[in-house]
C-alpha cells in the first residue's frame, strides 16, 4: 500500500455563482495548486497566448528524440472548443503530433496555430526552432 510517514494535503472550498466556467473554478484551482512565486530580475513576457480559458497549455518538454520541444494542451471544461495559440518566440514550425510524438499532420511555419478540441481532448504540438 502507500508509504508510511507524514502526509499533507491542501483543500479549498470555493463558493461561486453560476456553473464552472462562470465561477472561474479552473483558474482558482490552478492558483491554489501552483501559487505565485516572486523572482528578482527583469520581467519576462509569457511564452504562449491562448484566446480561451477552457484550453490549458499544460506541458512544455524536450522532444524524446532531441529534435525540438513538445507542447501539450487539454480542453478542461467538457465542451468543444476552438482556440488560437500564439507563441511569443519565432518558431521554425509547429507540427501536430500524438502522445508518442509521432506526426499527425503537416508542419506549419510560424508561431501561430488554430486548434479545435473535443470535450476533454488532449493535443500535442512539436515545436522546431532550428
Protein backbone atom coordinates (compact mmCIF):
# COMPACT_ATOMS: atom_id res chain seq x y z
CA UNK A 1 0.00 0.00 0.00
CA UNK A 2 1.07 3.65 0.41
CA UNK A 3 4.26 4.83 2.06
CA UNK A 4 4.48 5.43 5.76
CA UNK A 5 5.25 8.71 7.40
CA UNK A 6 3.57 12.08 7.50
CA UNK A 7 1.40 13.19 4.60
CA UNK A 8 -0.06 16.61 3.92
CA UNK A 9 -2.63 17.97 1.51
CA UNK A 10 -4.38 21.20 0.71
CA UNK A 11 -8.07 21.64 0.07
CA UNK A 12 -10.21 24.64 -0.56
CA UNK A 13 -13.90 25.46 -0.61
CA UNK A 14 -14.68 27.96 -3.32
CA UNK A 15 -18.29 29.17 -3.27
CA UNK A 16 -19.32 30.79 -6.52
CA UNK A 17 -22.41 31.58 -8.52
CA UNK A 18 -23.11 30.04 -11.89
CA UNK A 19 -21.53 26.95 -13.37
CA UNK A 20 -17.86 26.00 -13.60
CA UNK A 21 -16.85 28.42 -16.38
CA UNK A 22 -18.80 31.36 -14.88
CA UNK A 23 -17.37 30.72 -11.42
CA UNK A 24 -13.80 30.51 -12.77
CA UNK A 25 -13.18 27.38 -10.71
CA UNK A 26 -10.50 26.18 -13.12
CA UNK A 27 -8.48 29.36 -12.64
CA UNK A 28 -8.90 29.19 -8.86
CA UNK A 29 -7.77 25.55 -8.77
CA UNK A 30 -4.60 26.42 -10.70
CA UNK A 31 -3.90 29.34 -8.38
CA UNK A 32 -4.28 27.01 -5.38
CA UNK A 33 -2.05 24.27 -6.81
CA UNK A 34 0.53 26.50 -8.44
CA UNK A 35 0.96 29.50 -6.15
CA UNK A 36 2.57 32.71 -7.35
CA UNK A 37 6.35 32.78 -6.91
CA UNK A 38 8.25 36.05 -6.62
CA UNK A 39 11.52 36.25 -8.55
CA UNK A 40 14.01 39.05 -8.88
CA UNK A 41 15.24 40.26 -12.23
CA UNK A 42 13.72 41.53 -15.43
CA UNK A 43 10.09 40.79 -16.22
CA UNK A 44 9.57 38.15 -18.88
CA UNK A 45 6.70 38.12 -21.35
CA UNK A 46 4.56 35.00 -21.50
CA UNK A 47 5.82 32.41 -23.99
CA UNK A 48 2.31 31.39 -25.05
CA UNK A 49 -1.04 33.07 -25.54
CA UNK A 50 -4.35 31.19 -25.81
CA UNK A 51 -7.59 33.05 -26.55
CA UNK A 52 -9.92 30.92 -24.39
CA UNK A 53 -9.91 29.96 -20.71
CA UNK A 54 -11.17 26.44 -21.36
CA UNK A 55 -7.99 25.27 -23.15
CA UNK A 56 -4.98 24.85 -20.90
CA UNK A 57 -1.34 24.70 -22.02
CA UNK A 58 -0.13 22.11 -19.56
CA UNK A 59 3.33 20.84 -20.51
CA UNK A 60 6.38 22.05 -22.40
CA UNK A 61 9.10 19.42 -22.64
CA UNK A 62 12.07 18.46 -24.79
CA UNK A 63 11.09 16.04 -27.55
CA UNK A 64 12.14 12.45 -26.83
CA UNK A 65 14.30 12.33 -29.99
CA UNK A 66 16.02 15.62 -29.08
CA UNK A 67 14.57 17.46 -32.09
CA UNK A 68 12.68 20.44 -30.71
CA UNK A 69 10.06 20.60 -27.98
CA UNK A 70 6.56 19.24 -27.38
CA UNK A 71 3.76 21.44 -26.05
CA UNK A 72 0.64 19.73 -24.69
CA UNK A 73 -2.83 21.24 -24.26
CA UNK A 74 -6.15 19.99 -22.95
CA UNK A 75 -9.76 21.10 -23.05
CA UNK A 76 -10.75 21.45 -19.39
CA UNK A 77 -14.50 22.09 -19.23
CA UNK A 78 -16.00 19.18 -21.15
CA UNK A 79 -17.24 21.07 -24.21
CA UNK A 80 -15.92 21.51 -27.73
CA UNK A 81 -13.60 24.47 -28.14
CA UNK A 82 -11.62 26.30 -30.77
CA UNK A 83 -8.64 28.45 -29.94
CA UNK A 84 -5.79 30.38 -31.47
CA UNK A 85 -2.38 29.61 -29.97
CA UNK A 86 0.33 32.25 -30.41
CA UNK A 87 3.93 31.73 -29.28
CA UNK A 88 5.93 34.83 -28.41
CA UNK A 89 9.14 33.49 -29.95
CA UNK A 90 9.68 32.85 -33.64
CA UNK A 91 9.38 29.11 -34.27
CA UNK A 92 10.50 27.38 -37.46
CA UNK A 93 7.47 25.10 -37.45
CA UNK A 94 4.59 23.76 -35.37
CA UNK A 95 3.52 20.19 -36.11
CA UNK A 96 0.57 18.32 -34.62
CA UNK A 97 1.68 15.04 -33.05
CA UNK A 98 0.25 12.27 -30.92
CA UNK A 99 1.13 11.42 -27.32
CA UNK A 100 4.07 9.33 -28.59
CA UNK A 101 5.31 12.39 -30.54
CA UNK A 102 4.57 10.90 -33.98
CA UNK A 103 3.45 13.45 -36.57
CA UNK A 104 -0.32 13.53 -37.16
CA UNK A 105 -0.43 16.46 -39.57
CA UNK A 106 1.67 18.79 -41.66
CA UNK A 107 4.27 21.07 -40.11
CA UNK A 108 3.08 24.68 -40.19
CA UNK A 109 5.54 27.56 -40.48
CA UNK A 110 5.50 30.40 -37.96
CA UNK A 111 4.38 30.81 -34.39
CA UNK A 112 0.55 30.74 -34.64
CA UNK A 113 -1.85 27.82 -34.97
CA UNK A 114 -5.62 27.28 -34.72
CA UNK A 115 -6.73 24.23 -32.73
CA UNK A 116 -10.14 22.59 -32.37
CA UNK A 117 -10.83 20.37 -29.34
CA UNK A 118 -13.45 17.79 -28.48
CA UNK A 119 -14.53 17.66 -24.81
CA UNK A 120 -11.53 16.86 -22.55
CA UNK A 121 -9.29 16.21 -25.57
CA UNK A 122 -5.50 16.38 -25.22
CA UNK A 123 -3.47 17.75 -28.15
CA UNK A 124 0.26 17.97 -28.68
CA UNK A 125 2.37 20.17 -30.92
CA UNK A 126 6.03 19.66 -31.78
CA UNK A 127 7.91 22.98 -31.89
CA UNK A 128 11.01 23.11 -34.05
CA UNK A 129 13.31 26.06 -33.58
CA UNK A 130 16.15 25.19 -35.96
